[in-house]
Amino acid sequence: MNILAVNADIRIADVRVDDERLSLDLVDGRSVSAPLSWYPRLFNATPAQRANWQIAGGGYGVHWPDLDEDLSAEGILFGIPAPSSHIEAR
């Protein structure tokens, strides 16, 4: 059986956030998007806070300093929403 191994480069080249989606452009030419509702800190942020991002982790992540939010390209590619920050009272 033959297996095709692709050398994908999932480092982040650019980030876009609008009122509905978080979109990443990757170094290898792909783009990936996810619903903004998956990322509550971004969803509830102002447009200025959303626009203030930095590529982090050697290109494999993105950081929003105003929001203390960090997301990975891998997590977004696999469709993993941000963990819930809600803690249930017992």
PDB file of N, CA and C in Angstrom:
ATOM      1  N   MET A   1       0.843  -1.177   0.000  1.00  0.00           N
ATOM      2  CA  MET A   1       0.000   0.000   0.000  1.00  0.00           C
ATOM      3  C   MET A   1       0.888   1.240   0.000  1.00  0.00           C
ATOM      4  N   ASN A   2       0.602   2.149  -0.873  1.00  0.00           N
ATOM      5  CA  ASN A   2       1.354   3.403  -0.946  1.00  0.00           C
ATOM      6  C   ASN A   2       0.666   4.470  -0.115  1.00  0.00           C
ATOM      7  N   ILE A   3       1.469   5.256   0.577  1.00  0.00           N
ATOM      8  CA  ILE A   3       0.945   6.364   1.378  1.00  0.00           C
ATOM      9  C   ILE A   3       1.572   7.642   0.865  1.00  0.00           C
ATOM     10  N   LEU A   4       0.743   8.615   0.583  1.00  0.00           N
ATOM     11  CA  LEU A   4       1.224   9.906   0.134  1.00  0.00           C
ATOM     12  C   LEU A   4       1.500  10.775   1.353  1.00  0.00           C
ATOM     13  N   ALA A   5       2.733  11.169   1.513  1.00  0.00           N
ATOM     14  CA  ALA A   5       3.099  12.050   2.626  1.00  0.00           C
ATOM     15  C   ALA A   5       3.259  13.461   2.079  1.00  0.00           C
ATOM     16  N   VAL A   6       2.484  14.360   2.605  1.00  0.00           N
ATOM     17  CA  VAL A   6       2.517  15.744   2.154  1.00  0.00           C
ATOM     18  C   VAL A   6       3.240  16.572   3.215  1.00  0.00           C
ATOM     19  N   ASN A   7       4.146  17.394   2.772  1.00  0.00           N
ATOM     20  CA  ASN A   7       4.853  18.285   3.684  1.00  0.00           C
ATOM     21  C   ASN A   7       4.082  19.589   3.790  1.00  0.00           C
ATOM     22  N   ALA A   8       3.076  19.595   4.644  1.00  0.00           N
ATOM     23  CA  ALA A   8       2.258  20.784   4.848  1.00  0.00           C
ATOM     24  C   ALA A   8       2.966  21.713   5.824  1.00  0.00           C
ATOM     25  N   ASP A   9       2.873  22.987   5.548  1.00  0.00           N
ATOM     26  CA  ASP A   9       3.449  23.996   6.438  1.00  0.00           C
ATOM     27  C   ASP A   9       2.293  24.783   7.027  1.00  0.00           C
ATOM     28  N   ILE A  10       1.940  24.461   8.264  1.00  0.00           N
ATOM     29  CA  ILE A  10       0.756  25.070   8.865  1.00  0.00           C
ATOM     30  C   ILE A  10       1.085  26.333   9.664  1.00  0.00           C
ATOM     31  N   ARG A  11       2.240  26.927   9.389  1.00  0.00           N
ATOM     32  CA  ARG A  11       2.526  28.207  10.042  1.00  0.00           C
ATOM     33  C   ARG A  11       1.576  29.268   9.493  1.00  0.00           C
ATOM     34  N   ILE A  12       1.253  30.222  10.337  1.00  0.00           N
ATOM     35  CA  ILE A  12       0.281  31.261  10.005  1.00  0.00           C
ATOM     36  C   ILE A  12       0.966  32.415   9.288  1.00  0.00           C
ATOM     37  N   ALA A  13       0.394  32.832   8.161  1.00  0.00           N
ATOM     38  CA  ALA A  13       0.904  33.972   7.401  1.00  0.00           C
ATOM     39  C   ALA A  13       0.068  35.227   7.661  1.00  0.00           C
ATOM     40  N   ASP A  14      -1.251  35.054   7.848  1.00  0.00           N
ATOM     41  CA  ASP A  14      -2.131  36.197   8.050  1.00  0.00           C
ATOM     42  C   ASP A  14      -3.377  35.754   8.811  1.00  0.00           C
ATOM     43  N   VAL A  15      -4.001  36.704   9.487  1.00  0.00           N
ATOM     44  CA  VAL A  15      -5.196  36.448  10.296  1.00  0.00           C
ATOM     45  C   VAL A  15      -6.247  37.496   9.949  1.00  0.00           C
ATOM     46  N   ARG A  16      -7.499  37.041   9.830  1.00  0.00           N
ATOM     47  CA  ARG A  16      -8.618  37.954   9.627  1.00  0.00           C
ATOM     48  C   ARG A  16      -9.735  37.553  10.584  1.00  0.00           C
ATOM     49  N   VAL A  17     -10.341  38.553  11.194  1.00  0.00           N
ATOM     50  CA  VAL A  17     -11.465  38.304  12.088  1.00  0.00           C
ATOM     51  C   VAL A  17     -12.559  39.301  11.719  1.00  0.00           C
ATOM     52  N   ASP A  18     -13.752  38.790  11.422  1.00  0.00           N
ATOM     53  CA  ASP A  18     -14.896  39.675  11.212  1.00  0.00           C
ATOM     54  C   ASP A  18     -15.961  39.307  12.240  1.00  0.00           C
ATOM     55  N   ASP A  19     -17.170  39.769  12.069  1.00  0.00           N
ATOM     56  CA  ASP A  19     -18.215  39.531  13.061  1.00  0.00           C
ATOM     57  C   ASP A  19     -18.713  38.090  13.090  1.00  0.00           C
ATOM     58  N   GLU A  20     -18.321  37.278  12.096  1.00  0.00           N
ATOM     59  CA  GLU A  20     -18.830  35.908  12.021  1.00  0.00           C
ATOM     60  C   GLU A  20     -17.754  34.831  11.984  1.00  0.00           C
ATOM     61  N   ARG A  21     -16.526  35.166  11.506  1.00  0.00           N
ATOM     62  CA  ARG A  21     -15.529  34.133  11.267  1.00  0.00           C
ATOM     63  C   ARG A  21     -14.135  34.562  11.698  1.00  0.00           C
ATOM     64  N   LEU A  22     -13.351  33.563  12.087  1.00  0.00           N
ATOM     65  CA  LEU A  22     -11.915  33.694  12.264  1.00  0.00           C
ATOM     66  C   LEU A  22     -11.284  32.962  11.091  1.00  0.00           C
ATOM     67  N   SER A  23     -10.433  33.635  10.345  1.00  0.00           N
ATOM     68  CA  SER A  23      -9.806  33.033   9.169  1.00  0.00           C
ATOM     69  C   SER A  23      -8.297  33.155   9.257  1.00  0.00           C
ATOM     70  N   LEU A  24      -7.613  32.071   8.920  1.00  0.00           N
ATOM     71  CA  LEU A  24      -6.161  32.054   8.877  1.00  0.00           C
ATOM     72  C   LEU A  24      -5.704  31.741   7.471  1.00  0.00           C
ATOM     73  N   ASP A  25      -4.710  32.467   6.995  1.00  0.00           N
ATOM     74  CA  ASP A  25      -3.994  32.107   5.779  1.00  0.00           C
ATOM     75  C   ASP A  25      -2.704  31.457   6.228  1.00  0.00           C
ATOM     76  N   LEU A  26      -2.425  30.278   5.693  1.00  0.00           N
ATOM     77  CA  LEU A  26      -1.247  29.523   6.084  1.00  0.00           C
ATOM     78  C   LEU A  26      -0.116  29.725   5.092  1.00  0.00           C
ATOM     79  N   VAL A  27       1.096  29.495   5.555  1.00  0.00           N
ATOM     80  CA  VAL A  27       2.278  29.673   4.721  1.00  0.00           C
ATOM     81  C   VAL A  27       2.218  28.783   3.478  1.00  0.00           C
ATOM     82  N   ASP A  28       1.610  27.596   3.591  1.00  0.00           N
ATOM     83  CA  ASP A  28       1.566  26.679   2.445  1.00  0.00           C
ATOM     84  C   ASP A  28       0.492  27.042   1.421  1.00  0.00           C
ATOM     85  N   GLY A  29      -0.211  28.172   1.628  1.00  0.00           N
ATOM     86  CA  GLY A  29      -1.180  28.641   0.636  1.00  0.00           C
ATOM     87  C   GLY A  29      -2.622  28.337   0.976  1.00  0.00           C
ATOM     88  N   ARG A  30      -2.858  27.505   1.963  1.00  0.00           N
ATOM     89  CA  ARG A  30      -4.238  27.194   2.345  1.00  0.00           C
ATOM     90  C   ARG A  30      -4.807  28.293   3.228  1.00  0.00           C
ATOM     91  N   SER A  31      -6.127  28.363   3.249  1.00  0.00           N
ATOM     92  CA  SER A  31      -6.862  29.230   4.171  1.00  0.00           C
ATOM     93  C   SER A  31      -7.847  28.355   4.917  1.00  0.00           C
ATOM     94  N   VAL A  32      -8.046  28.659   6.186  1.00  0.00           N
ATOM     95  CA  VAL A  32      -8.989  27.911   7.004  1.00  0.00           C
ATOM     96  C   VAL A  32      -9.784  28.909   7.830  1.00  0.00           C
ATOM     97  N   SER A  33     -11.078  28.632   8.000  1.00  0.00           N
ATOM     98  CA  SER A  33     -11.958  29.511   8.766  1.00  0.00           C
ATOM     99  C   SER A  33     -12.752  28.698   9.766  1.00  0.00           C
ATOM    100  N   ALA A  34     -13.152  29.376  10.830  1.00  0.00           N
ATOM    101  CA  ALA A  34     -13.992  28.754  11.855  1.00  0.00           C
ATOM    102  C   ALA A  34     -14.991  29.800  12.339  1.00  0.00           C
ATOM    103  N   PRO A  35     -16.133  29.351  12.843  1.00  0.00           N
ATOM    104  CA  PRO A  35     -17.118  30.301  13.370  1.00  0.00           C
ATOM    105  C   PRO A  35     -16.537  31.079  14.549  1.00  0.00           C
ATOM    106  N   LEU A  36     -16.740  32.372  14.558  1.00  0.00           N
ATOM    107  CA  LEU A  36     -16.235  33.206  15.648  1.00  0.00           C
ATOM    108  C   LEU A  36     -16.874  32.814  16.976  1.00  0.00           C
ATOM    109  N   SER A  37     -18.073  32.274  16.938  1.00  0.00           N
ATOM    110  CA  SER A  37     -18.750  31.858  18.168  1.00  0.00           C
ATOM    111  C   SER A  37     -17.988  30.753  18.903  1.00  0.00           C
ATOM    112  N   TRP A  38     -17.072  30.067  18.241  1.00  0.00           N
ATOM    113  CA  TRP A  38     -16.247  29.048  18.891  1.00  0.00           C
ATOM    114  C   TRP A  38     -15.194  29.664  19.810  1.00  0.00           C
ATOM    115  N   TYR A  39     -14.974  30.958  19.676  1.00  0.00           N
ATOM    116  CA  TYR A  39     -13.916  31.647  20.421  1.00  0.00           C
ATOM    117  C   TYR A  39     -14.526  32.834  21.157  1.00  0.00           C
ATOM    118  N   PRO A  40     -15.124  32.593  22.339  1.00  0.00           N
ATOM    119  CA  PRO A  40     -15.896  33.625  23.047  1.00  0.00           C
ATOM    120  C   PRO A  40     -15.131  34.917  23.314  1.00  0.00           C
ATOM    121  N   ARG A  41     -13.859  34.835  23.626  1.00  0.00           N
ATOM    122  CA  ARG A  41     -13.107  36.079  23.882  1.00  0.00           C
ATOM    123  C   ARG A  41     -13.049  36.940  22.626  1.00  0.00           C
ATOM    124  N   LEU A  42     -12.844  36.314  21.480  1.00  0.00           N
ATOM    125  CA  LEU A  42     -12.833  37.070  20.222  1.00  0.00           C
ATOM    126  C   LEU A  42     -14.240  37.541  19.864  1.00  0.00           C
ATOM    127  N   PHE A  43     -15.217  36.682  20.070  1.00  0.00           N
ATOM    128  CA  PHE A  43     -16.600  37.007  19.743  1.00  0.00           C
ATOM    129  C   PHE A  43     -17.065  38.252  20.499  1.00  0.00           C
ATOM    130  N   ASN A  44     -16.679  38.350  21.767  1.00  0.00           N
ATOM    131  CA  ASN A  44     -17.112  39.468  22.610  1.00  0.00           C
ATOM    132  C   ASN A  44     -16.180  40.668  22.566  1.00  0.00           C
ATOM    133  N   ALA A  45     -15.128  40.594  21.789  1.00  0.00           N
ATOM    134  CA  ALA A  45     -14.140  41.676  21.710  1.00  0.00           C
ATOM    135  C   ALA A  45     -14.590  42.777  20.742  1.00  0.00           C
ATOM    136  N   THR A  46     -13.983  43.928  20.899  1.00  0.00           N
ATOM    137  CA  THR A  46     -14.227  45.023  19.960  1.00  0.00           C
ATOM    138  C   THR A  46     -13.447  44.763  18.668  1.00  0.00           C
ATOM    139  N   PRO A  47     -13.836  45.402  17.574  1.00  0.00           N
ATOM    140  CA  PRO A  47     -13.053  45.261  16.343  1.00  0.00           C
ATOM    141  C   PRO A  47     -11.578  45.640  16.533  1.00  0.00           C
ATOM    142  N   ALA A  48     -11.303  46.661  17.328  1.00  0.00           N
ATOM    143  CA  ALA A  48      -9.908  47.065  17.571  1.00  0.00           C
ATOM    144  C   ALA A  48      -9.144  45.972  18.310  1.00  0.00           C
ATOM    145  N   GLN A  49      -9.777  45.334  19.299  1.00  0.00           N
ATOM    146  CA  GLN A  49      -9.127  44.244  20.024  1.00  0.00           C
ATOM    147  C   GLN A  49      -8.883  43.043  19.115  1.00  0.00           C
ATOM    148  N   ARG A  50      -9.827  42.744  18.251  1.00  0.00           N
ATOM    149  CA  ARG A  50      -9.670  41.622  17.308  1.00  0.00           C
ATOM    150  C   ARG A  50      -8.545  41.881  16.319  1.00  0.00           C
ATOM    151  N   ALA A  51      -8.372  43.140  15.945  1.00  0.00           N
ATOM    152  CA  ALA A  51      -7.356  43.502  14.949  1.00  0.00           C
ATOM    153  C   ALA A  51      -5.946  43.529  15.526  1.00  0.00           C
ATOM    154  N   ASN A  52      -5.819  43.549  16.844  1.00  0.00           N
ATOM    155  CA  ASN A  52      -4.513  43.605  17.497  1.00  0.00           C
ATOM    156  C   ASN A  52      -4.040  42.191  17.816  1.00  0.00           C
ATOM    157  N   TRP A  53      -3.480  41.523  16.835  1.00  0.00           N
ATOM    158  CA  TRP A  53      -2.991  40.161  16.997  1.00  0.00           C
ATOM    159  C   TRP A  53      -1.517  40.085  16.629  1.00  0.00           C
ATOM    160  N   GLN A  54      -0.879  39.027  17.092  1.00  0.00           N
ATOM    161  CA  GLN A  54       0.542  38.779  16.799  1.00  0.00           C
ATOM    162  C   GLN A  54       0.710  37.297  16.482  1.00  0.00           C
ATOM    163  N   ILE A  55       1.519  37.004  15.479  1.00  0.00           N
ATOM    164  CA  ILE A  55       1.871  35.614  15.223  1.00  0.00           C
ATOM    165  C   ILE A  55       2.815  35.182  16.339  1.00  0.00           C
ATOM    166  N   ALA A  56       2.574  33.999  16.885  1.00  0.00           N
ATOM    167  CA  ALA A  56       3.326  33.517  18.047  1.00  0.00           C
ATOM    168  C   ALA A  56       3.768  32.069  17.819  1.00  0.00           C
ATOM    169  N   GLY A  57       4.561  31.572  18.732  1.00  0.00           N
ATOM    170  CA  GLY A  57       4.946  30.159  18.705  1.00  0.00           C
ATOM    171  C   GLY A  57       5.645  29.746  17.431  1.00  0.00           C
ATOM    172  N   GLY A  58       6.535  30.590  16.944  1.00  0.00           N
ATOM    173  CA  GLY A  58       7.265  30.243  15.719  1.00  0.00           C
ATOM    174  C   GLY A  58       6.395  30.205  14.481  1.00  0.00           C
ATOM    175  N   GLY A  59       5.226  30.829  14.552  1.00  0.00           N
ATOM    176  CA  GLY A  59       4.322  30.863  13.412  1.00  0.00           C
ATOM    177  C   GLY A  59       3.168  29.881  13.520  1.00  0.00           C
ATOM    178  N   TYR A  60       3.178  29.047  14.537  1.00  0.00           N
ATOM    179  CA  TYR A  60       2.147  28.022  14.688  1.00  0.00           C
ATOM    180  C   TYR A  60       0.965  28.471  15.541  1.00  0.00           C
ATOM    181  N   GLY A  61       1.010  29.698  16.024  1.00  0.00           N
ATOM    182  CA  GLY A  61      -0.082  30.203  16.842  1.00  0.00           C
ATOM    183  C   GLY A  61      -0.299  31.680  16.606  1.00  0.00           C
ATOM    184  N   VAL A  62      -1.384  32.175  17.187  1.00  0.00           N
ATOM    185  CA  VAL A  62      -1.701  33.601  17.114  1.00  0.00           C
ATOM    186  C   VAL A  62      -2.115  34.049  18.513  1.00  0.00           C
ATOM    187  N   HIS A  63      -1.680  35.253  18.865  1.00  0.00           N
ATOM    188  CA  HIS A  63      -1.911  35.794  20.203  1.00  0.00           C
ATOM    189  C   HIS A  63      -2.589  37.148  20.086  1.00  0.00           C
ATOM    190  N   TRP A  64      -3.630  37.371  20.906  1.00  0.00           N
ATOM    191  CA  TRP A  64      -4.305  38.652  21.024  1.00  0.00           C
ATOM    192  C   TRP A  64      -3.957  39.223  22.397  1.00  0.00           C
ATOM    193  N   PRO A  65      -2.990  40.143  22.481  1.00  0.00           N
ATOM    194  CA  PRO A  65      -2.535  40.627  23.787  1.00  0.00           C
ATOM    195  C   PRO A  65      -3.617  41.354  24.582  1.00  0.00           C
ATOM    196  N   ASP A  66      -4.506  42.065  23.919  1.00  0.00           N
ATOM    197  CA  ASP A  66      -5.570  42.782  24.632  1.00  0.00           C
ATOM    198  C   ASP A  66      -6.569  41.838  25.283  1.00  0.00           C
ATOM    199  N   LEU A  67      -6.638  40.611  24.783  1.00  0.00           N
ATOM    200  CA  LEU A  67      -7.644  39.649  25.238  1.00  0.00           C
ATOM    201  C   LEU A  67      -7.035  38.476  26.000  1.00  0.00           C
ATOM    202  N   ASP A  68      -5.718  38.399  26.055  1.00  0.00           N
ATOM    203  CA  ASP A  68      -5.020  37.257  26.631  1.00  0.00           C
ATOM    204  C   ASP A  68      -5.524  35.956  26.015  1.00  0.00           C
ATOM    205  N   GLU A  69      -5.653  35.961  24.689  1.00  0.00           N
ATOM    206  CA  GLU A  69      -6.146  34.801  23.936  1.00  0.00           C
ATOM    207  C   GLU A  69      -5.037  34.266  23.053  1.00  0.00           C
ATOM    208  N   ASP A  70      -4.844  32.949  23.076  1.00  0.00           N
ATOM    209  CA  ASP A  70      -3.863  32.274  22.235  1.00  0.00           C
ATOM    210  C   ASP A  70      -4.546  31.098  21.558  1.00  0.00           C
ATOM    211  N   LEU A  71      -4.409  31.013  20.242  1.00  0.00           N
ATOM    212  CA  LEU A  71      -4.976  29.909  19.481  1.00  0.00           C
ATOM    213  C   LEU A  71      -3.901  29.333  18.582  1.00  0.00           C
ATOM    214  N   SER A  72      -3.994  28.034  18.321  1.00  0.00           N
ATOM    215  CA  SER A  72      -3.020  27.383  17.454  1.00  0.00           C
ATOM    216  C   SER A  72      -3.621  27.117  16.084  1.00  0.00           C
ATOM    217  N   ALA A  73      -2.761  27.128  15.082  1.00  0.00           N
ATOM    218  CA  ALA A  73      -3.200  26.781  13.735  1.00  0.00           C
ATOM    219  C   ALA A  73      -3.724  25.355  13.713  1.00  0.00           C
ATOM    220  N   GLU A  74      -3.061  24.468  14.423  1.00  0.00           N
ATOM    221  CA  GLU A  74      -3.478  23.069  14.466  1.00  0.00           C
ATOM    222  C   GLU A  74      -4.881  22.921  15.045  1.00  0.00           C
ATOM    223  N   GLY A  75      -5.161  23.616  16.142  1.00  0.00           N
ATOM    224  CA  GLY A  75      -6.484  23.545  16.745  1.00  0.00           C
ATOM    225  C   GLY A  75      -7.572  24.029  15.808  1.00  0.00           C
ATOM    226  N   ILE A  76      -7.287  25.095  15.093  1.00  0.00           N
ATOM    227  CA  ILE A  76      -8.275  25.635  14.155  1.00  0.00           C
ATOM    228  C   ILE A  76      -8.447  24.690  12.968  1.00  0.00           C
ATOM    229  N   LEU A  77      -7.341  24.115  12.473  1.00  0.00           N
ATOM    230  CA  LEU A  77      -7.425  23.149  11.373  1.00  0.00           C
ATOM    231  C   LEU A  77      -8.263  21.929  11.744  1.00  0.00           C
ATOM    232  N   PHE A  78      -8.132  21.471  12.995  1.00  0.00           N
ATOM    233  CA  PHE A  78      -8.881  20.303  13.446  1.00  0.00           C
ATOM    234  C   PHE A  78     -10.276  20.646  13.947  1.00  0.00           C
ATOM    235  N   GLY A  79     -10.643  21.928  13.911  1.00  0.00           N
ATOM    236  CA  GLY A  79     -11.987  22.339  14.302  1.00  0.00           C
ATOM    237  C   GLY A  79     -12.231  22.245  15.790  1.00  0.00           C
ATOM    238  N   ILE A  80     -11.210  22.550  16.579  1.00  0.00           N
ATOM    239  CA  ILE A  80     -11.332  22.472  18.027  1.00  0.00           C
ATOM    240  C   ILE A  80     -11.699  23.851  18.570  1.00  0.00           C
ATOM    241  N   PRO A  81     -12.897  24.004  19.142  1.00  0.00           N
ATOM    242  CA  PRO A  81     -13.286  25.290  19.729  1.00  0.00           C
ATOM    243  C   PRO A  81     -12.451  25.598  20.972  1.00  0.00           C
ATOM    244  N   ALA A  82     -12.412  26.852  21.370  1.00  0.00           N
ATOM    245  CA  ALA A  82     -11.719  27.242  22.596  1.00  0.00           C
ATOM    246  C   ALA A  82     -12.397  26.570  23.775  1.00  0.00           C
ATOM    247  N   PRO A  83     -11.612  26.184  24.783  1.00  0.00           N
ATOM    248  CA  PRO A  83     -12.244  25.589  25.970  1.00  0.00           C
ATOM    249  C   PRO A  83     -13.161  26.586  26.644  1.00  0.00           C
ATOM    250  N   SER A  84     -14.201  26.104  27.249  1.00  0.00           N
ATOM    251  CA  SER A  84     -15.143  26.962  27.952  1.00  0.00           C
ATOM    252  C   SER A  84     -14.484  27.541  29.185  1.00  0.00           C
ATOM    253  N   SER A  85     -14.682  28.829  29.389  1.00  0.00           N
ATOM    254  CA  SER A  85     -14.131  29.464  30.579  1.00  0.00           C
ATOM    255  C   SER A  85     -15.147  29.492  31.699  1.00  0.00           C
ATOM    256  N   HIS A  86     -16.322  28.929  31.432  1.00  0.00           N
ATOM    257  CA  HIS A  86     -17.396  28.920  32.439  1.00  0.00           C
ATOM    258  C   HIS A  86     -17.128  27.800  33.447  1.00  0.00           C
ATOM    259  N   ILE A  87     -17.131  28.155  34.702  1.00  0.00           N
ATOM    260  CA  ILE A  87     -16.936  27.175  35.765  1.00  0.00           C
ATOM    261  C   ILE A  87     -18.249  27.054  36.531  1.00  0.00           C
ATOM    262  N   GLU A  88     -18.763  25.852  36.608  1.00  0.00           N
ATOM    263  CA  GLU A  88     -20.045  25.640  37.294  1.00  0.00           C
ATOM    264  C   GLU A  88     -19.867  25.750  38.800  1.00  0.00           C
ATOM    265  N   ALA A  89     -20.813  26.395  39.432  1.00  0.00           N
ATOM    266  CA  ALA A  89     -20.817  26.460  40.895  1.00  0.00           C
ATOM    267  C   ALA A  89     -21.328  25.135  41.442  1.00  0.00           C
ATOM    268  N   ARG A  90     -20.730  24.685  42.506  1.00  0.00           N
ATOM    269  CA  ARG A  90     -21.160  23.412  43.087  1.00  0.00           C
ATOM    270  C   ARG A  90     -21.901  23.647  44.354  1.00  0.00           C
TER     271      ARG A  90
END
